[in-house]
Amino acid sequence: MEQIPEFLKPEYYFSNLDKYKEIFEGVNFVWEAIPKISEFVRKKTEEAGEKIIIGEGTKISDGAVIEGPCLIGRNCQIRPGAYIRENVVIYDGCIIRGEIKNSLMMENSAAAHWPYIGDSIIGENANLGARTTLSNLKVNPSNVKIKIGDIIHDTKLSKFGAVLGDRVSTGCHCETNPGTLIGPGVMIYPSATIGPGFFKKNHIIKYKPGIEVVEIVERK
């Protein structure tokens, strides 16, 4: 049996997996939970006989669009401009304004300022800054692969955005490339573009774009 590094297991990223055990049961590599999100949504919506399930105390603002099938927990805020597509699970106490599809948001996380979240998992108490993008599709259509050191891991997923561990915080205009794994407690400075790959827990990722002056001409 293949020896799986600790930083590729769900336990590395999330401290309260018992709350989400139906999705993570049998998962070895953390990205294996992505296709299980749709299975979980289908099971719960079929049991309830409803395409969209919304918990007590959750507020749906005018201008929000919920297509579903999806599950939304208690005491969430679905703000104006939210676009909740298929196979989304949003747990208790979350805030969303922006587009999300085939993704899991764990408890008390916020994506309140126009993010794009595609085929991703967001841990508890995480916060996505304005216009954060978790990109999920490669430019050249093929499986998303993650290179860590000298080893390339084929996720066998054609669409896979990012895994953000508990308490991850992103600045405004951050972007992750398909196949990005971010450990818990990581802080990412604004305008950073990172991934694919693995980023160790409890670190700060700083980004300073280079600016090159290519031409200066007189204004007439």
Protein backbone atom coordinates (compact mmCIF):
# COMPACT_ATOMS: atom_id res chain seq x y z
CA MET A 1 0.00 0.00 0.00
CA GLU A 2 1.27 3.48 -0.86
CA GLN A 3 2.62 5.44 2.09
CA ILE A 4 0.71 8.71 2.19
CA PRO A 5 2.53 11.77 3.59
CA GLU A 6 0.76 13.42 6.51
CA PHE A 7 0.41 16.70 4.60
CA LEU A 8 -1.73 15.02 1.94
CA LYS A 9 -4.25 13.62 4.42
CA PRO A 10 -7.45 15.43 5.48
CA GLU A 11 -6.30 15.43 9.11
CA TYR A 12 -3.49 17.84 8.27
CA TYR A 13 -5.94 20.51 7.13
CA PHE A 14 -9.03 20.09 9.29
CA SER A 15 -9.27 19.60 13.06
CA ASN A 16 -12.95 18.67 13.36
CA LEU A 17 -13.43 15.99 10.74
CA ASP A 18 -16.05 14.19 12.83
CA LYS A 19 -18.52 16.90 11.82
CA TYR A 20 -17.94 16.11 8.14
CA LYS A 21 -17.28 12.38 8.34
CA GLU A 22 -19.84 11.42 5.70
CA ILE A 23 -17.84 13.33 3.12
CA PHE A 24 -14.38 12.29 4.34
CA GLU A 25 -15.08 8.65 5.14
CA GLY A 26 -12.65 6.47 3.20
CA VAL A 27 -10.67 9.46 1.93
CA ASN A 28 -6.89 8.99 1.92
CA PHE A 29 -5.65 11.91 -0.18
CA VAL A 30 -7.50 15.09 0.78
CA TRP A 31 -8.60 15.85 -2.79
CA GLU A 32 -10.50 12.55 -2.93
CA ALA A 33 -13.25 14.31 -0.96
CA ILE A 34 -14.08 16.60 -3.90
CA PRO A 35 -16.17 14.07 -5.89
CA LYS A 36 -17.84 12.91 -2.66
CA ILE A 37 -19.46 16.32 -2.19
CA SER A 38 -21.99 15.63 -4.96
CA GLU A 39 -22.74 12.18 -3.52
CA PHE A 40 -23.41 13.72 -0.11
CA VAL A 41 -25.68 16.43 -1.55
CA ARG A 42 -27.63 13.91 -3.62
CA LYS A 43 -28.19 11.65 -0.62
CA LYS A 44 -29.40 14.45 1.67
CA THR A 45 -31.65 16.13 -0.88
CA GLU A 46 -33.24 12.83 -1.91
CA GLU A 47 -33.91 11.97 1.75
CA ALA A 48 -35.55 15.35 2.29
CA GLY A 49 -37.37 15.43 -1.03
CA GLU A 50 -36.03 18.92 -1.62
CA LYS A 51 -33.47 20.24 -4.10
CA ILE A 52 -32.37 23.04 -1.79
CA ILE A 53 -32.11 22.62 1.98
CA ILE A 54 -31.69 25.72 4.13
CA GLY A 55 -31.13 25.66 7.89
CA GLU A 56 -32.90 27.64 10.57
CA GLY A 57 -31.81 31.23 11.03
CA THR A 58 -30.15 31.55 7.63
CA LYS A 59 -30.84 34.81 5.80
CA ILE A 60 -31.18 34.85 2.02
CA SER A 61 -30.82 38.39 0.66
CA ASP A 62 -32.61 39.76 -2.38
CA GLY A 63 -30.42 39.33 -5.44
CA ALA A 64 -28.96 36.00 -4.34
CA VAL A 65 -29.34 33.11 -6.80
CA ILE A 66 -29.48 29.54 -5.52
CA GLU A 67 -29.66 26.89 -8.24
CA GLY A 68 -28.75 23.80 -6.27
CA PRO A 69 -28.87 21.04 -5.47
CA CYS A 70 -27.22 22.30 -2.32
CA LEU A 71 -27.21 22.21 1.47
CA ILE A 72 -26.99 25.41 3.51
CA GLY A 73 -26.66 25.23 7.27
CA ARG A 74 -28.03 27.33 10.11
CA ASN A 75 -27.38 31.00 10.76
CA CYS A 76 -25.65 31.63 7.45
CA GLN A 77 -25.72 34.86 5.45
CA ILE A 78 -26.34 34.47 1.72
CA ARG A 79 -25.72 38.04 0.63
CA PRO A 80 -26.79 39.95 -2.51
CA GLY A 81 -24.94 38.72 -5.57
CA ALA A 82 -24.36 35.22 -4.23
CA TYR A 83 -24.53 32.58 -6.96
CA ILE A 84 -24.78 29.12 -5.43
CA ARG A 85 -24.60 26.50 -8.13
CA GLU A 86 -24.74 22.70 -8.08
CA ASN A 87 -23.37 20.40 -5.36
CA VAL A 88 -22.54 22.95 -2.71
CA VAL A 89 -22.39 22.29 1.03
CA ILE A 90 -22.26 25.33 3.29
CA TYR A 91 -22.18 24.58 7.00
CA ASP A 92 -23.42 26.66 9.95
CA GLY A 93 -22.41 30.27 10.41
CA CYS A 94 -20.93 30.90 6.96
CA ILE A 95 -21.12 34.03 4.81
CA ILE A 96 -21.11 33.94 1.00
CA ARG A 97 -21.39 36.57 -1.69
CA GLY A 98 -20.05 35.41 -5.04
CA GLU A 99 -19.98 32.23 -7.09
CA ILE A 100 -19.50 28.76 -5.64
CA LYS A 101 -19.91 25.31 -7.20
CA ASN A 102 -19.14 21.72 -6.23
CA SER A 103 -17.49 22.87 -3.03
CA LEU A 104 -17.59 22.50 0.74
CA MET A 105 -17.44 25.39 3.21
CA MET A 106 -16.95 24.26 6.80
CA GLU A 107 -18.40 26.08 9.80
CA ASN A 108 -17.94 29.80 10.43
CA SER A 109 -16.06 30.60 7.24
CA ALA A 110 -16.56 33.71 5.14
CA ALA A 111 -16.32 34.50 1.45
CA ALA A 112 -18.22 37.74 1.61
CA HIS A 113 -16.75 39.87 -1.16
CA TRP A 114 -17.22 38.40 -4.63
CA PRO A 115 -15.01 35.31 -4.69
CA TYR A 116 -15.04 32.44 -7.15
CA ILE A 117 -14.89 29.05 -5.44
CA GLY A 118 -14.76 26.06 -7.77
CA ASP A 119 -14.35 22.39 -6.80
CA SER A 120 -12.71 23.32 -3.51
CA ILE A 121 -12.80 22.70 0.23
CA ILE A 122 -12.60 25.54 2.75
CA GLY A 123 -11.88 24.72 6.39
CA GLU A 124 -13.42 26.19 9.52
CA ASN A 125 -12.96 29.86 10.47
CA ALA A 126 -11.34 30.70 7.13
CA ASN A 127 -11.75 34.07 5.44
CA LEU A 128 -11.44 34.85 1.74
CA GLY A 129 -10.59 38.43 0.90
CA ALA A 130 -12.35 40.37 -1.82
CA ARG A 131 -12.17 38.84 -5.32
CA THR A 132 -10.28 35.76 -4.18
CA THR A 133 -10.36 33.17 -6.96
CA LEU A 134 -9.94 29.43 -6.41
CA SER A 135 -9.44 28.45 -10.04
CA ASN A 136 -10.46 24.90 -10.84
CA LEU A 137 -9.73 24.22 -14.53
CA LYS A 138 -6.39 24.04 -16.33
CA VAL A 139 -5.87 25.97 -19.55
CA ASN A 140 -4.93 22.72 -21.30
CA PRO A 141 -7.69 20.24 -20.42
CA SER A 142 -6.18 17.32 -18.49
CA ASN A 143 -6.09 15.92 -14.99
CA VAL A 144 -4.93 18.30 -12.29
CA LYS A 145 -1.50 17.22 -11.05
CA ILE A 146 0.35 18.47 -8.00
CA LYS A 147 4.14 18.46 -7.89
CA ILE A 148 5.62 18.38 -4.41
CA GLY A 149 9.38 18.04 -4.37
CA ASP A 150 10.28 15.51 -7.01
CA ILE A 151 6.96 13.67 -6.85
CA ILE A 152 4.00 14.42 -9.11
CA HIS A 153 0.62 13.41 -7.71
CA ASP A 154 -2.11 12.84 -10.29
CA THR A 155 -5.39 13.74 -8.58
CA LYS A 156 -7.36 12.05 -11.39
CA LEU A 157 -9.66 15.09 -11.31
CA SER A 158 -10.21 17.25 -14.37
CA LYS A 159 -11.58 20.02 -12.13
CA PHE A 160 -9.99 20.71 -8.76
CA GLY A 161 -9.49 24.13 -7.24
CA ALA A 162 -7.92 24.32 -3.81
CA VAL A 163 -7.96 22.95 -0.29
CA LEU A 164 -7.79 25.66 2.37
CA GLY A 165 -7.21 24.42 5.89
CA ASP A 166 -8.78 25.80 9.05
CA ARG A 167 -8.18 29.52 9.71
CA VAL A 168 -6.65 30.27 6.31
CA SER A 169 -6.91 33.94 5.40
CA THR A 170 -6.45 35.42 1.94
CA GLY A 171 -5.96 39.07 1.05
CA CYS A 172 -7.85 40.87 -1.68
CA HIS A 173 -7.39 39.69 -5.27
CA CYS A 174 -5.62 36.45 -4.36
CA GLU A 175 -5.70 33.62 -6.87
CA THR A 176 -4.88 29.94 -6.53
CA ASN A 177 -4.13 27.79 -9.55
CA PRO A 178 -5.81 24.38 -9.91
CA GLY A 179 -4.38 21.88 -7.44
CA THR A 180 -3.33 24.13 -4.56
CA LEU A 181 -3.10 22.76 -1.00
CA ILE A 182 -2.88 25.37 1.77
CA GLY A 183 -2.25 24.23 5.32
CA PRO A 184 -4.17 25.55 8.34
CA GLY A 185 -3.33 28.95 9.74
CA VAL A 186 -1.75 30.27 6.54
CA MET A 187 -2.08 33.97 5.74
CA ILE A 188 -1.74 35.06 2.11
CA TYR A 189 -0.98 38.67 1.28
CA PRO A 190 -3.11 40.58 -1.26
CA SER A 191 -2.73 40.05 -5.01
CA ALA A 192 -0.77 36.82 -4.63
CA THR A 193 -1.07 34.14 -7.31
CA ILE A 194 0.06 30.79 -5.93
CA GLY A 195 0.04 27.11 -6.80
CA PRO A 196 -0.30 24.50 -7.85
CA GLY A 197 1.47 22.78 -5.00
CA PHE A 198 1.58 22.50 -1.22
CA PHE A 199 1.99 25.31 1.30
CA LYS A 200 2.92 24.40 4.87
CA LYS A 201 0.67 25.29 7.80
CA ASN A 202 1.07 28.40 9.96
CA HIS A 203 3.08 30.41 7.45
CA ILE A 204 2.69 33.82 5.83
CA ILE A 205 2.86 34.03 2.04
CA LYS A 206 3.98 37.44 0.84
CA TYR A 207 3.80 38.58 -2.75
CA LYS A 208 5.44 41.62 -4.29
CA PRO A 209 4.82 41.95 -8.03
CA GLY A 210 7.63 43.34 -10.15
CA ILE A 211 6.99 46.48 -12.15
CA GLU A 212 9.13 47.20 -15.19
CA VAL A 213 8.95 50.52 -17.01
CA VAL A 214 9.21 49.65 -20.71
CA GLU A 215 8.83 53.09 -22.22
CA ILE A 216 8.55 56.73 -21.21
CA VAL A 217 7.31 59.20 -23.81
CA GLU A 218 6.33 62.82 -23.68
CA ARG A 219 2.63 63.48 -23.26
CA LYS A 220 1.22 65.77 -25.92
